[in-house]
């Protein structure tokens, strides 16, 4: 999925490096940088 700069990211959940579930909504009001790379 390609997003243009300034596009609002879709809602999602992921597991952090500590094994905790984190939702994008949990980070509201904070600067978030998403970096995806191919396996």
PDB file of N, CA and C in Angstrom:
ATOM      1  N   UNK A   1       0.852  -1.162   0.000  1.00  0.00           N
ATOM      2  CA  UNK A   1       0.000   0.000   0.000  1.00  0.00           C
ATOM      3  C   UNK A   1       0.901   1.229   0.000  1.00  0.00           C
ATOM      4  N   UNK A   2       0.766   2.082  -0.959  1.00  0.00           N
ATOM      5  CA  UNK A   2       1.561   3.302  -1.034  1.00  0.00           C
ATOM      6  C   UNK A   2       0.744   4.482  -0.515  1.00  0.00           C
ATOM      7  N   UNK A   3       1.373   5.304   0.305  1.00  0.00           N
ATOM      8  CA  UNK A   3       0.737   6.518   0.811  1.00  0.00           C
ATOM      9  C   UNK A   3       1.579   7.711   0.381  1.00  0.00           C
ATOM     10  N   UNK A   4       0.922   8.777   0.036  1.00  0.00           N
ATOM     11  CA  UNK A   4       1.621  10.014  -0.301  1.00  0.00           C
ATOM     12  C   UNK A   4       1.936  10.772   0.983  1.00  0.00           C
ATOM     13  N   UNK A   5       2.981  11.593   0.981  1.00  0.00           N
ATOM     14  CA  UNK A   5       3.279  12.401   2.162  1.00  0.00           C
ATOM     15  C   UNK A   5       2.060  13.214   2.585  1.00  0.00           C
ATOM     16  N   UNK A   6       1.788  13.227   3.873  1.00  0.00           N
ATOM     17  CA  UNK A   6       0.659  13.980   4.409  1.00  0.00           C
ATOM     18  C   UNK A   6      -0.634  13.195   4.479  1.00  0.00           C
ATOM     19  N   UNK A   7      -0.666  12.004   3.896  1.00  0.00           N
ATOM     20  CA  UNK A   7      -1.863  11.171   3.936  1.00  0.00           C
ATOM     21  C   UNK A   7      -2.013  10.564   5.327  1.00  0.00           C
ATOM     22  N   UNK A   8      -3.222  10.574   5.861  1.00  0.00           N
ATOM     23  CA  UNK A   8      -3.479   9.967   7.168  1.00  0.00           C
ATOM     24  C   UNK A   8      -3.381   8.453   7.028  1.00  0.00           C
ATOM     25  N   UNK A   9      -2.617   7.837   7.911  1.00  0.00           N
ATOM     26  CA  UNK A   9      -2.445   6.379   7.872  1.00  0.00           C
ATOM     27  C   UNK A   9      -3.730   5.691   8.323  1.00  0.00           C
ATOM     28  N   UNK A  10      -4.036   4.526   7.759  1.00  0.00           N
ATOM     29  CA  UNK A  10      -5.214   3.779   8.203  1.00  0.00           C
ATOM     30  C   UNK A  10      -4.981   3.232   9.614  1.00  0.00           C
ATOM     31  N   UNK A  11      -6.058   2.973  10.329  1.00  0.00           N
ATOM     32  CA  UNK A  11      -5.965   2.398  11.676  1.00  0.00           C
ATOM     33  C   UNK A  11      -5.321   1.010  11.593  1.00  0.00           C
ATOM     34  N   UNK A  12      -4.445   0.713  12.549  1.00  0.00           N
ATOM     35  CA  UNK A  12      -3.830  -0.609  12.584  1.00  0.00           C
ATOM     36  C   UNK A  12      -3.338  -0.901  13.990  1.00  0.00           C
ATOM     37  N   UNK A  13      -3.031  -2.169  14.234  1.00  0.00           N
ATOM     38  CA  UNK A  13      -2.407  -2.601  15.480  1.00  0.00           C
ATOM     39  C   UNK A  13      -1.157  -3.381  15.126  1.00  0.00           C
ATOM     40  N   UNK A  14      -0.162  -3.308  15.999  1.00  0.00           N
ATOM     41  CA  UNK A  14       1.085  -4.038  15.798  1.00  0.00           C
ATOM     42  C   UNK A  14       1.632  -4.447  17.161  1.00  0.00           C
ATOM     43  N   UNK A  15       2.603  -5.325  17.146  1.00  0.00           N
ATOM     44  CA  UNK A  15       3.268  -5.757  18.366  1.00  0.00           C
ATOM     45  C   UNK A  15       4.606  -5.027  18.446  1.00  0.00           C
ATOM     46  N   UNK A  16       4.885  -4.398  19.605  1.00  0.00           N
ATOM     47  CA  UNK A  16       6.152  -3.684  19.751  1.00  0.00           C
ATOM     48  C   UNK A  16       7.269  -4.645  20.153  1.00  0.00           C
ATOM     49  N   UNK A  17       8.457  -4.111  20.329  1.00  0.00           N
ATOM     50  CA  UNK A  17       9.613  -4.956  20.639  1.00  0.00           C
ATOM     51  C   UNK A  17       9.545  -5.578  22.026  1.00  0.00           C
ATOM     52  N   UNK A  18       8.616  -5.104  22.850  1.00  0.00           N
ATOM     53  CA  UNK A  18       8.418  -5.671  24.187  1.00  0.00           C
ATOM     54  C   UNK A  18       7.285  -6.698  24.206  1.00  0.00           C
ATOM     55  N   UNK A  19       6.676  -6.954  23.021  1.00  0.00           N
ATOM     56  CA  UNK A  19       5.599  -7.926  22.917  1.00  0.00           C
ATOM     57  C   UNK A  19       4.224  -7.366  23.240  1.00  0.00           C
ATOM     58  N   UNK A  20       4.124  -6.045  23.394  1.00  0.00           N
ATOM     59  CA  UNK A  20       2.842  -5.410  23.709  1.00  0.00           C
ATOM     60  C   UNK A  20       2.127  -4.990  22.431  1.00  0.00           C
ATOM     61  N   UNK A  21       0.800  -5.058  22.453  1.00  0.00           N
ATOM     62  CA  UNK A  21      -0.010  -4.609  21.326  1.00  0.00           C
ATOM     63  C   UNK A  21      -0.117  -3.087  21.376  1.00  0.00           C
ATOM     64  N   UNK A  22       0.129  -2.450  20.240  1.00  0.00           N
ATOM     65  CA  UNK A  22       0.049  -0.997  20.136  1.00  0.00           C
ATOM     66  C   UNK A  22      -0.829  -0.665  18.937  1.00  0.00           C
ATOM     67  N   UNK A  23      -1.816   0.196  19.146  1.00  0.00           N
ATOM     68  CA  UNK A  23      -2.676   0.653  18.056  1.00  0.00           C
ATOM     69  C   UNK A  23      -2.265   2.071  17.679  1.00  0.00           C
ATOM     70  N   UNK A  24      -2.429   2.424  16.432  1.00  0.00           N
ATOM     71  CA  UNK A  24      -2.109   3.778  15.995  1.00  0.00           C
ATOM     72  C   UNK A  24      -2.884   4.792  16.828  1.00  0.00           C
ATOM     73  N   UNK A  25      -4.119   4.485  17.183  1.00  0.00           N
ATOM     74  CA  UNK A  25      -4.936   5.395  17.994  1.00  0.00           C
ATOM     75  C   UNK A  25      -4.296   5.659  19.357  1.00  0.00           C
ATOM     76  N   UNK A  26      -3.507   4.720  19.875  1.00  0.00           N
ATOM     77  CA  UNK A  26      -2.821   4.905  21.161  1.00  0.00           C
ATOM     78  C   UNK A  26      -1.772   6.012  21.085  1.00  0.00           C
ATOM     79  N   UNK A  27      -1.356   6.348  19.883  1.00  0.00           N
ATOM     80  CA  UNK A  27      -0.289   7.328  19.683  1.00  0.00           C
ATOM     81  C   UNK A  27      -0.821   8.686  19.233  1.00  0.00           C
ATOM     82  N   UNK A  28      -2.129   8.892  19.353  1.00  0.00           N
ATOM     83  CA  UNK A  28      -2.745  10.150  18.924  1.00  0.00           C
ATOM     84  C   UNK A  28      -2.066  11.331  19.607  1.00  0.00           C
ATOM     85  N   UNK A  29      -1.754  12.358  18.832  1.00  0.00           N
ATOM     86  CA  UNK A  29      -1.118  13.554  19.355  1.00  0.00           C
ATOM     87  C   UNK A  29       0.397  13.477  19.410  1.00  0.00           C
ATOM     88  N   UNK A  30       0.959  12.325  19.063  1.00  0.00           N
ATOM     89  CA  UNK A  30       2.412  12.154  19.068  1.00  0.00           C
ATOM     90  C   UNK A  30       2.910  12.066  17.629  1.00  0.00           C
ATOM     91  N   UNK A  31       4.162  12.424  17.420  1.00  0.00           N
ATOM     92  CA  UNK A  31       4.772  12.258  16.105  1.00  0.00           C
ATOM     93  C   UNK A  31       5.107  10.783  15.932  1.00  0.00           C
ATOM     94  N   UNK A  32       4.674  10.205  14.821  1.00  0.00           N
ATOM     95  CA  UNK A  32       4.890   8.781  14.558  1.00  0.00           C
ATOM     96  C   UNK A  32       5.568   8.631  13.202  1.00  0.00           C
ATOM     97  N   UNK A  33       6.635   7.862  13.163  1.00  0.00           N
ATOM     98  CA  UNK A  33       7.313   7.547  11.909  1.00  0.00           C
ATOM     99  C   UNK A  33       7.166   6.051  11.693  1.00  0.00           C
ATOM    100  N   UNK A  34       6.575   5.673  10.572  1.00  0.00           N
ATOM    101  CA  UNK A  34       6.409   4.260  10.227  1.00  0.00           C
ATOM    102  C   UNK A  34       7.427   3.909   9.156  1.00  0.00           C
ATOM    103  N   UNK A  35       8.125   2.834   9.362  1.00  0.00           N
ATOM    104  CA  UNK A  35       9.113   2.381   8.387  1.00  0.00           C
ATOM    105  C   UNK A  35       8.863   0.908   8.129  1.00  0.00           C
ATOM    106  N   UNK A  36       8.581   0.583   6.893  1.00  0.00           N
ATOM    107  CA  UNK A  36       8.337  -0.803   6.501  1.00  0.00           C
ATOM    108  C   UNK A  36       9.432  -1.226   5.539  1.00  0.00           C
ATOM    109  N   UNK A  37       9.857  -2.447   5.647  1.00  0.00           N
ATOM    110  CA  UNK A  37      10.876  -2.962   4.747  1.00  0.00           C
ATOM    111  C   UNK A  37      10.506  -4.383   4.350  1.00  0.00           C
ATOM    112  N   UNK A  38      10.887  -4.797   3.150  1.00  0.00           N
ATOM    113  CA  UNK A  38      10.561  -6.152   2.698  1.00  0.00           C
ATOM    114  C   UNK A  38      11.392  -7.187   3.451  1.00  0.00           C
ATOM    115  N   UNK A  39      10.805  -8.336   3.662  1.00  0.00           N
ATOM    116  CA  UNK A  39      11.535  -9.439   4.303  1.00  0.00           C
ATOM    117  C   UNK A  39      12.397 -10.132   3.288  1.00  0.00           C
TER     118      UNK A  39
END
